[in-house]
Protein backbone atom coordinates (compact mmCIF):
# COMPACT_ATOMS: atom_id res chain seq x y z
CA UNK A 1 -9.85 23.00 -26.65
CA UNK A 2 -9.20 19.48 -24.81
CA UNK A 3 -5.98 20.48 -23.73
CA UNK A 4 -6.81 23.39 -21.92
CA UNK A 5 -9.65 21.37 -20.20
CA UNK A 6 -7.29 18.60 -19.07
CA UNK A 7 -4.58 21.06 -17.68
CA UNK A 8 -7.37 23.28 -15.45
CA UNK A 9 -8.49 19.32 -14.27
CA UNK A 10 -5.19 18.20 -13.10
CA UNK A 11 -4.49 22.21 -11.52
CA UNK A 12 -8.33 21.54 -9.60
CA UNK A 13 -8.17 20.34 -5.99
CA UNK A 14 -10.09 17.09 -6.10
CA UNK A 15 -11.81 15.02 -3.68
CA UNK A 16 -12.33 11.27 -3.67
CA UNK A 17 -14.84 8.53 -1.68
CA UNK A 18 -13.99 5.29 -2.98
CA UNK A 19 -10.15 4.24 -3.23
CA UNK A 20 -8.42 1.00 -1.34
CA UNK A 21 -5.39 1.95 -0.19
CA UNK A 22 -4.04 -1.19 -0.90
CA UNK A 23 -5.06 -1.03 -4.63
CA UNK A 24 -3.60 2.50 -4.59
CA UNK A 25 0.03 1.20 -3.20
CA UNK A 26 2.38 0.61 -6.07
CA UNK A 27 4.22 -2.30 -7.08
CA UNK A 28 7.71 -1.64 -6.39
CA UNK A 29 6.25 -1.10 -2.39
CA UNK A 30 5.00 -4.50 -2.33
CA UNK A 31 8.00 -5.98 -3.71
CA UNK A 32 10.48 -4.13 -1.39
CA UNK A 33 7.86 -5.24 1.56
CA UNK A 34 8.07 -8.92 -0.29
CA UNK A 35 12.05 -9.55 -0.31
CA UNK A 36 11.99 -7.70 3.71
CA UNK A 37 9.66 -10.00 4.60
CA UNK A 38 11.03 -13.18 2.52
CA UNK A 39 8.09 -13.83 0.89
CA UNK A 40 8.18 -15.50 -2.46
CA UNK A 41 6.82 -13.96 -5.31
CA UNK A 42 5.07 -15.56 -8.54
CA UNK A 43 7.79 -14.09 -10.30
CA UNK A 44 11.47 -13.51 -9.86
CA UNK A 45 12.83 -9.93 -10.52
CA UNK A 46 10.84 -6.33 -10.02
CA UNK A 47 10.49 -5.81 -14.20
CA UNK A 48 8.39 -8.71 -13.82
CA UNK A 49 6.38 -8.43 -10.58
CA UNK A 50 5.23 -4.91 -12.65
CA UNK A 51 4.15 -6.72 -15.55
CA UNK A 52 2.20 -9.61 -13.11
CA UNK A 53 0.77 -6.43 -11.40
CA UNK A 54 -0.89 -5.17 -13.93
CA UNK A 55 -4.92 -5.53 -14.56
CA UNK A 56 -5.50 -8.81 -17.16
CA UNK A 57 -8.38 -9.96 -16.50
CA UNK A 58 -10.91 -10.44 -13.00
CA UNK A 59 -9.51 -13.79 -11.99
CA UNK A 60 -6.05 -12.09 -12.29
CA UNK A 61 -6.37 -9.20 -10.55
CA UNK A 62 -7.65 -11.36 -7.32
CA UNK A 63 -4.97 -13.57 -7.42
CA UNK A 64 -2.80 -9.69 -7.90
CA UNK A 65 -4.81 -8.78 -5.29
CA UNK A 66 -4.56 -11.01 -2.72
CA UNK A 67 -0.86 -11.97 -3.62
CA UNK A 68 0.29 -8.45 -2.95
CA UNK A 69 -1.48 -8.39 0.93
CA UNK A 70 0.00 -11.36 1.75
CA UNK A 71 3.48 -10.17 1.82
CA UNK A 72 2.12 -7.73 4.93
CA UNK A 73 3.69 -9.57 7.68
CA UNK A 74 3.91 -7.02 10.55
CA UNK A 75 2.07 -3.56 11.92
CA UNK A 76 5.30 -1.80 10.35
CA UNK A 77 4.03 -3.01 6.99
CA UNK A 78 0.66 -1.43 7.02
CA UNK A 79 2.32 1.63 9.16
CA UNK A 80 4.31 2.03 5.89
CA UNK A 81 1.56 1.64 3.52
CA UNK A 82 -0.64 4.50 5.01
CA UNK A 83 2.21 6.60 5.03
CA UNK A 84 2.56 6.18 0.99
CA UNK A 85 -1.44 6.50 0.83
CA UNK A 86 -0.66 10.32 1.70
CA UNK A 87 2.00 10.80 -0.74
CA UNK A 88 0.02 8.80 -3.78
CA UNK A 89 -2.84 10.91 -3.02
CA UNK A 90 -1.33 14.43 -3.04
CA UNK A 91 0.80 13.94 -6.08
CA UNK A 92 -2.60 13.79 -7.42
CA UNK A 93 -3.99 16.59 -5.71
CA UNK A 94 -6.68 14.90 -3.90
CA UNK A 95 -7.34 17.58 -0.93
CA UNK A 96 -9.66 15.06 0.73
CA UNK A 97 -10.02 11.25 0.87
CA UNK A 98 -12.11 8.63 2.14
CA UNK A 99 -10.17 5.41 1.99
CA UNK A 100 -10.96 1.74 2.60
CA UNK A 101 -8.49 -0.66 4.06
CA UNK A 102 -9.06 -4.18 3.79
CA UNK A 103 -9.96 -4.97 7.24
CA UNK A 104 -11.09 -8.44 6.96
CA UNK A 105 -7.27 -9.27 6.16
CA UNK A 106 -5.69 -6.96 9.13
CA UNK A 107 -8.07 -8.75 11.78
CA UNK A 108 -7.16 -12.28 10.97
CA UNK A 109 -3.64 -12.00 11.10
CA UNK A 110 -2.48 -9.11 13.99
CA UNK A 111 -3.63 -7.89 17.50
CA UNK A 112 -6.55 -5.60 17.10
CA UNK A 113 -4.56 -2.58 19.20
CA UNK A 114 -1.23 -3.21 17.56
CA UNK A 115 -2.29 -2.56 14.14
CA UNK A 116 -4.99 0.27 15.05
CA UNK A 117 -1.63 1.78 17.01
CA UNK A 118 0.38 1.08 13.29
CA UNK A 119 -2.48 2.42 11.63
CA UNK A 120 -2.36 5.81 13.39
CA UNK A 121 1.42 5.95 13.45
CA UNK A 122 1.26 5.83 9.68
CA UNK A 123 -1.45 8.78 9.42
CA UNK A 124 0.27 11.11 11.87
CA UNK A 125 3.21 10.62 9.45
CA UNK A 126 1.60 10.98 6.47
CA UNK A 127 -0.40 13.99 7.30
CA UNK A 128 2.71 15.93 8.80
CA UNK A 129 4.53 15.00 5.46
CA UNK A 130 2.10 15.46 3.09
CA UNK A 131 -1.20 17.97 4.53
CA UNK A 132 -3.87 16.21 2.70
CA UNK A 133 -6.59 15.25 4.99
CA UNK A 134 -7.62 11.55 4.74
CA UNK A 135 -10.65 9.69 7.19
CA UNK A 136 -10.52 5.91 7.14
CA UNK A 137 -13.44 3.32 6.27
CA UNK A 138 -12.05 -0.15 7.05
CA UNK A 139 -14.13 -2.76 5.05
CA UNK A 140 -15.60 -6.94 5.31
CA UNK A 141 -14.66 -8.45 2.94
CA UNK A 142 -18.08 -10.18 1.77
CA UNK A 143 -15.75 -13.50 0.95
CA UNK A 144 -15.11 -14.02 4.25
CA UNK A 145 -18.08 -13.16 6.04
CA UNK A 146 -16.78 -14.84 9.27
CA UNK A 147 -14.52 -11.61 9.80
CA UNK A 148 -17.46 -9.43 9.81
CA UNK A 149 -18.05 -9.43 13.96
CA UNK A 150 -14.35 -8.63 14.27
CA UNK A 151 -13.84 -5.97 11.87
CA UNK A 152 -16.96 -4.47 13.36
CA UNK A 153 -14.88 -4.28 17.32
CA UNK A 154 -12.17 -3.26 15.21
CA UNK A 155 -14.36 -0.32 13.50
CA UNK A 156 -15.79 1.03 16.98
CA UNK A 157 -11.90 0.91 18.63
CA UNK A 158 -10.29 2.75 15.75
CA UNK A 159 -13.50 5.16 16.19
CA UNK A 160 -12.95 6.04 19.45
CA UNK A 161 -9.35 6.93 18.42
CA UNK A 162 -10.14 9.13 15.85
CA UNK A 163 -8.75 7.08 12.90
CA UNK A 164 -11.72 5.57 11.52
CA UNK A 165 -15.55 7.43 10.42
CA UNK A 166 -17.60 4.44 9.10
CA UNK A 167 -18.16 0.98 8.10
CA UNK A 168 -17.70 -0.59 4.78
CA UNK A 169 -18.44 -3.94 2.74
CA UNK A 170 -16.42 -5.37 -0.29
CA UNK A 171 -15.03 -8.02 -1.69
CA UNK A 172 -17.42 -10.97 -3.94
CA UNK A 173 -20.64 -9.62 -4.59
CA UNK A 174 -21.98 -12.34 -5.92
CA UNK A 175 -23.14 -14.95 -3.64
CA UNK A 176 -22.92 -12.92 -0.48
CA UNK A 177 -25.92 -10.45 -0.32
CA UNK A 178 -26.28 -7.61 1.75
CA UNK A 179 -28.73 -8.94 4.29
CA UNK A 180 -26.07 -11.49 5.50
CA UNK A 181 -24.52 -8.27 6.92
CA UNK A 182 -27.42 -7.35 8.76
CA UNK A 183 -27.16 -7.29 12.39
CA UNK A 184 -23.50 -6.40 11.98
CA UNK A 185 -24.50 -2.63 10.54
CA UNK A 186 -27.40 -2.11 12.62
CA UNK A 187 -25.07 -2.38 15.50
CA UNK A 188 -22.61 0.18 13.70
CA UNK A 189 -25.39 2.60 13.48
CA UNK A 190 -26.04 2.17 17.04
CA UNK A 191 -22.47 3.28 17.54
CA UNK A 192 -22.79 6.32 15.57
CA UNK A 193 -20.28 4.69 12.24
CA UNK A 194 -21.32 5.98 9.08
CA UNK A 195 -22.14 2.79 7.09
CA UNK A 196 -21.71 2.14 3.36
CA UNK A 197 -21.39 -0.59 0.71
CA UNK A 198 -20.47 -1.33 -2.40
CA UNK A 199 -23.07 -2.75 -4.67
CA UNK A 200 -24.58 -2.73 -8.12
CA UNK A 201 -21.22 -4.00 -9.71
CA UNK A 202 -20.76 -7.55 -10.11
CA UNK A 203 -24.60 -8.09 -8.94
CA UNK A 204 -27.64 -6.05 -10.44
CA UNK A 205 -30.03 -3.43 -9.15
CA UNK A 206 -31.45 -5.52 -6.36
CA UNK A 207 -28.08 -5.74 -4.64
CA UNK A 208 -28.20 -1.90 -4.43
CA UNK A 209 -31.95 -2.65 -2.85
CA UNK A 210 -31.20 -4.87 -0.79
CA UNK A 211 -27.79 -2.64 1.12
CA UNK A 212 -30.61 0.51 1.65
CA UNK A 213 -33.40 -1.83 2.45
CA UNK A 214 -31.50 -4.27 4.76
CA UNK A 215 -28.31 -2.17 5.70
CA UNK A 216 -29.85 1.51 5.85
CA UNK A 217 -26.21 2.47 3.73
CA UNK A 218 -25.48 6.18 3.47
CA UNK A 219 -24.00 5.95 0.16
CA UNK A 220 -23.38 2.93 -2.71
CA UNK A 221 -20.08 1.69 -3.90
CA UNK A 222 -20.60 1.97 -8.05
CA UNK A 223 -23.75 1.36 -8.08
CA UNK A 224 -23.64 1.51 -12.23
CA UNK A 225 -26.39 -1.17 -12.41
CA UNK A 226 -29.02 1.32 -10.79
CA UNK A 227 -29.79 1.40 -14.28
CA UNK A 228 -31.45 -1.85 -14.70
CA UNK A 229 -34.34 -0.49 -12.96
CA UNK A 230 -36.12 2.48 -13.31
CA UNK A 231 -38.23 2.32 -10.17
CA UNK A 232 -34.73 2.45 -8.66
CA UNK A 233 -33.42 4.99 -10.80
CA UNK A 234 -36.33 7.38 -9.85
CA UNK A 235 -35.62 6.51 -5.79
CA UNK A 236 -31.71 7.38 -6.08
CA UNK A 237 -33.04 10.51 -7.92
CA UNK A 238 -35.22 11.29 -5.43
CA UNK A 239 -33.32 10.75 -1.82
CA UNK A 240 -29.85 12.12 -3.82
CA UNK A 241 -28.35 8.95 -2.69
CA UNK A 242 -24.82 9.71 -3.46
CA UNK A 243 -23.02 7.10 -5.90
CA UNK A 244 -19.13 6.24 -5.83
CA UNK A 245 -18.52 5.68 -9.42
CA UNK A 246 -15.37 4.17 -10.61
CA UNK A 247 -15.52 4.32 -14.59
CA UNK A 248 -12.04 2.55 -15.09
CA UNK A 249 -12.47 -0.27 -12.69
CA UNK A 250 -15.49 -0.90 -14.29
CA UNK A 251 -14.36 -1.02 -18.03
CA UNK A 252 -11.30 -3.57 -16.66
CA UNK A 253 -13.55 -5.71 -14.39
CA UNK A 254 -15.72 -6.08 -17.32
CA UNK A 255 -18.84 -4.41 -15.52
CA UNK A 256 -18.83 -1.93 -18.92
CA UNK A 257 -18.05 -2.71 -22.53
CA UNK A 258 -14.33 -0.95 -23.28
CA UNK A 259 -16.26 0.04 -26.50
CA UNK A 260 -19.63 1.81 -24.83
CA UNK A 261 -19.16 5.31 -23.36
CA UNK A 262 -19.54 5.11 -19.41
CA UNK A 263 -23.00 4.94 -18.40
CA UNK A 264 -21.81 7.84 -15.90
CA UNK A 265 -23.15 9.92 -18.78
CA UNK A 266 -26.57 8.19 -17.98
CA UNK A 267 -27.05 8.46 -14.68
CA UNK A 268 -25.48 12.00 -14.13
CA UNK A 269 -28.51 13.09 -16.72
CA UNK A 270 -30.80 11.24 -14.93
CA UNK A 271 -30.04 13.41 -11.84
CA UNK A 272 -28.38 11.21 -9.72
CA UNK A 273 -25.96 12.29 -7.11
CA UNK A 274 -22.45 10.80 -8.57
CA UNK A 275 -18.85 11.10 -7.62
CA UNK A 276 -15.97 9.97 -9.71
CA UNK A 277 -13.42 7.56 -7.88
CA UNK A 278 -10.36 5.61 -8.85
CA UNK A 279 -11.02 2.19 -7.10
CA UNK A 280 -7.71 0.30 -7.05
CA UNK A 281 -6.04 2.29 -9.28
CA UNK A 282 -2.29 0.96 -9.27
CA UNK A 283 -4.02 -2.10 -10.20
CA UNK A 284 -5.83 -0.80 -12.76
CA UNK A 285 -3.71 2.03 -14.05
CA UNK A 286 -5.30 4.94 -13.56
CA UNK A 287 -5.90 7.80 -10.91
CA UNK A 288 -7.92 10.14 -10.47
CA UNK A 289 -6.93 12.80 -12.84
CA UNK A 290 -7.32 10.09 -15.85
CA UNK A 291 -10.70 9.22 -14.72
CA UNK A 292 -11.61 12.77 -15.17
CA UNK A 293 -9.84 12.88 -18.17
CA UNK A 294 -11.60 9.61 -19.30
CA UNK A 295 -14.98 12.21 -18.60
CA UNK A 296 -13.97 14.99 -20.95
CA UNK A 297 -13.02 12.37 -23.80
CA UNK A 298 -16.80 11.39 -23.27
CA UNK A 299 -18.00 14.78 -23.43
CA UNK A 300 -18.13 15.87 -20.37
CA UNK A 301 -17.78 19.57 -19.88
CA UNK A 302 -15.78 21.73 -16.95
CA UNK A 303 -19.01 22.43 -15.57
CA UNK A 304 -20.12 19.22 -15.05
CA UNK A 305 -16.61 17.40 -13.81
CA UNK A 306 -16.82 20.64 -11.12
CA UNK A 307 -19.42 19.41 -10.27
CA UNK A 308 -18.97 15.92 -9.63
CA UNK A 309 -16.19 17.44 -7.60
CA UNK A 310 -18.34 19.77 -5.48
CA UNK A 311 -20.95 16.20 -5.15
CA UNK A 312 -17.82 14.02 -3.46
CA UNK A 313 -17.90 17.18 -1.30
CA UNK A 314 -21.51 16.64 0.23
CA UNK A 315 -20.91 12.87 -0.25
CA UNK A 316 -18.48 13.04 2.44
CA UNK A 317 -18.87 12.64 6.20
CA UNK A 318 -16.78 15.54 7.35
CA UNK A 319 -18.56 17.91 9.18
CA UNK A 320 -20.93 21.06 7.65
CA UNK A 321 -18.37 23.40 8.54
CA UNK A 322 -15.58 21.48 7.13
CA UNK A 323 -17.90 21.02 4.06
CA UNK A 324 -18.08 24.43 3.45
CA UNK A 325 -14.42 24.89 3.97
CA UNK A 326 -13.90 23.07 0.92
CA UNK A 327 -16.61 24.59 -0.94
CA UNK A 328 -14.78 27.84 -0.84
CA UNK A 329 -11.26 26.31 -1.85
CA UNK A 330 -13.44 24.82 -5.39
CA UNK A 331 -15.11 28.40 -5.63
CA UNK A 332 -12.01 29.27 -6.93
CA UNK A 333 -12.72 27.12 -9.87
CA UNK A 334 -15.67 27.51 -10.82
CA UNK A 335 -16.28 28.51 -14.34
CA UNK A 336 -19.29 30.14 -16.70
CA UNK A 337 -18.07 28.54 -19.87
CA UNK A 338 -17.39 25.49 -21.07
């Protein structure tokens, strides 16, 4: 029965709202760019690099992420990453994505218009080859707050060119509360940008409350620590604020004990508006199909998994007509039994 369910899920076209382009880039791509750009890596061979790239603990993950990003030395490198990301999503049958770009790194390294042109080129080539639709959400790295105004300008200009749909907030949650970014988020909203933020992952429920109150976000990235606050859970249930849940990421980073069922079960049963996502799939040895398979092993039914996928459509920043089109596609995968 489980095998049949897995086959159904793999065939189901999927929607993803929380995935980082850099974290979805294969180790081989970064290795090739390092050689091309003459960047010395902490290892000498591709085999050693793949081993280094594998998740070990949080501090090592941060080291891998920063090392990988450091090999990007030209705007053309980002064009390659974007095009490869289309290929990656298409391979996993993900027909629509809203994906994060680590903009704080970009704006400190490259002229704004140059990197925007590269992203536009990568998007054009990626869509032509792989036909899946992707909207991008550049994010501010919390731990580089000095970059926030530059990132906002970058996003506003990219939005005018049809490249970006919103502004995000990622990076290290502890020590960098949402209120530090209040003014930039207010300006983003005035410029008709959608706004989201990572919250309730490394920090507790108060981080989610502050993201909602101070930043007026439309979705919460991760958000699983909402369960620490019953009043917040009730608020999220009543408002149906979408929550972008990434189970494997939570296990890897130690937010959830590996011997316990993931709290998305509690969140779903409490009536919260959850979606399922892969976060940094290549760095956490996962992908969106594997995330669904994990929930199958933890007792989710086919109908519940279908609903999580539909939730992603509803929580997306697509137009109402576009949402209707995706709902029609997913309707072919509806089931009345489990």
